[in-house]
Amino acid sequence: MDRNQVSKSEFKAKALEFFRQVESSGESLVVTDHGKPVLEVRPYRAIKRDLLEILRGSVVRYDRPTDPVADNEWDAAQ
């Protein structure tokens, strides 16, 4: 078996050891169930993103929100 793969039963018995291995090596570990991959344990890597960039394009601006909606802009069920 590949050294980066482990069965569920072995993972259950040695979970902390595998966590330390993944943390120190930086390599992921695939957990298998009856020989089929079912889980991947990998080191956490935070994604550095600017909070304003996350929101860019998501805010809608209405200059006059109390104006009636034009007929061609409204798709209501008739």
Protein backbone atom coordinates (compact mmCIF):
# COMPACT_ATOMS: atom_id res chain seq x y z
CA MET A 1 0.00 0.00 0.00
CA ASP A 2 1.15 3.56 -0.72
CA ARG A 3 2.74 5.24 2.27
CA ASN A 4 0.28 8.13 1.95
CA GLN A 5 -2.71 5.79 2.21
CA VAL A 6 -4.09 4.10 5.28
CA SER A 7 -7.18 2.02 6.02
CA LYS A 8 -9.94 3.34 8.26
CA SER A 9 -9.21 0.75 10.92
CA GLU A 10 -5.50 1.60 11.05
CA PHE A 11 -6.29 5.33 11.03
CA LYS A 12 -8.66 4.87 13.97
CA ALA A 13 -6.00 3.10 15.99
CA LYS A 14 -3.20 5.59 15.22
CA ALA A 15 -5.01 8.86 14.43
CA LEU A 16 -2.78 11.14 16.52
CA GLU A 17 0.35 9.60 15.02
CA PHE A 18 -1.00 10.22 11.50
CA PHE A 19 -1.99 13.80 12.38
CA ARG A 20 1.56 14.49 13.56
CA GLN A 21 2.97 12.89 10.40
CA VAL A 22 0.80 15.07 8.15
CA GLU A 23 1.65 18.16 10.17
CA SER A 24 5.41 17.58 10.09
CA SER A 25 5.71 16.38 6.48
CA GLY A 26 3.16 18.73 4.93
CA GLU A 27 1.91 15.84 2.77
CA SER A 28 -1.69 14.71 2.66
CA LEU A 29 -2.90 11.30 3.82
CA VAL A 30 -5.69 9.36 2.11
CA VAL A 31 -7.93 7.21 4.29
CA THR A 32 -9.43 4.19 2.52
CA ASP A 33 -12.47 2.03 3.14
CA HIS A 34 -12.19 -1.45 1.61
CA GLY A 35 -9.38 -0.17 -0.61
CA LYS A 36 -11.32 2.84 -1.96
CA PRO A 37 -10.27 6.39 -1.02
CA VAL A 38 -12.92 8.08 1.15
CA LEU A 39 -11.14 10.87 3.05
CA GLU A 40 -8.12 13.08 2.70
CA VAL A 41 -6.30 14.52 5.71
CA ARG A 42 -4.11 17.45 4.77
CA PRO A 43 -2.38 20.36 6.47
CA TYR A 44 -4.44 23.51 6.91
CA ARG A 45 -3.31 26.42 4.76
CA ALA A 46 -5.11 29.69 5.35
CA ILE A 47 -5.99 31.67 2.25
CA LYS A 48 -4.98 35.28 2.71
CA ARG A 49 -7.74 37.42 1.22
CA ASP A 50 -8.63 41.05 1.72
CA LEU A 51 -12.11 41.33 3.22
CA LEU A 52 -13.09 44.12 0.83
CA GLU A 53 -12.02 41.99 -2.14
CA ILE A 54 -14.36 39.24 -0.99
CA LEU A 55 -17.29 41.67 -1.03
CA ARG A 56 -16.35 43.44 -4.28
CA GLY A 57 -19.23 43.23 -6.76
CA SER A 58 -21.69 41.83 -4.25
CA VAL A 59 -23.24 45.11 -3.10
CA VAL A 60 -25.99 46.61 -5.25
CA ARG A 61 -26.49 50.35 -5.27
CA TYR A 62 -29.84 51.98 -5.81
CA ASP A 63 -29.76 55.73 -6.34
CA ARG A 64 -33.53 56.12 -5.83
CA PRO A 65 -34.86 52.97 -4.13
CA THR A 66 -38.39 54.34 -3.66
CA ASP A 67 -39.04 54.86 -7.40
CA PRO A 68 -41.53 52.44 -8.98
CA VAL A 69 -40.12 49.51 -10.92
CA ALA A 70 -40.50 49.80 -14.69
CA ASP A 71 -42.80 47.21 -16.34
CA ASN A 72 -40.01 45.71 -18.43
CA GLU A 73 -37.80 45.13 -15.35
CA TRP A 74 -40.38 43.15 -13.37
CA ASP A 75 -40.84 39.43 -14.04
CA ALA A 76 -43.77 38.54 -11.85
CA ALA A 77 -45.93 35.46 -12.36
CA GLN A 78 -49.14 36.51 -14.08
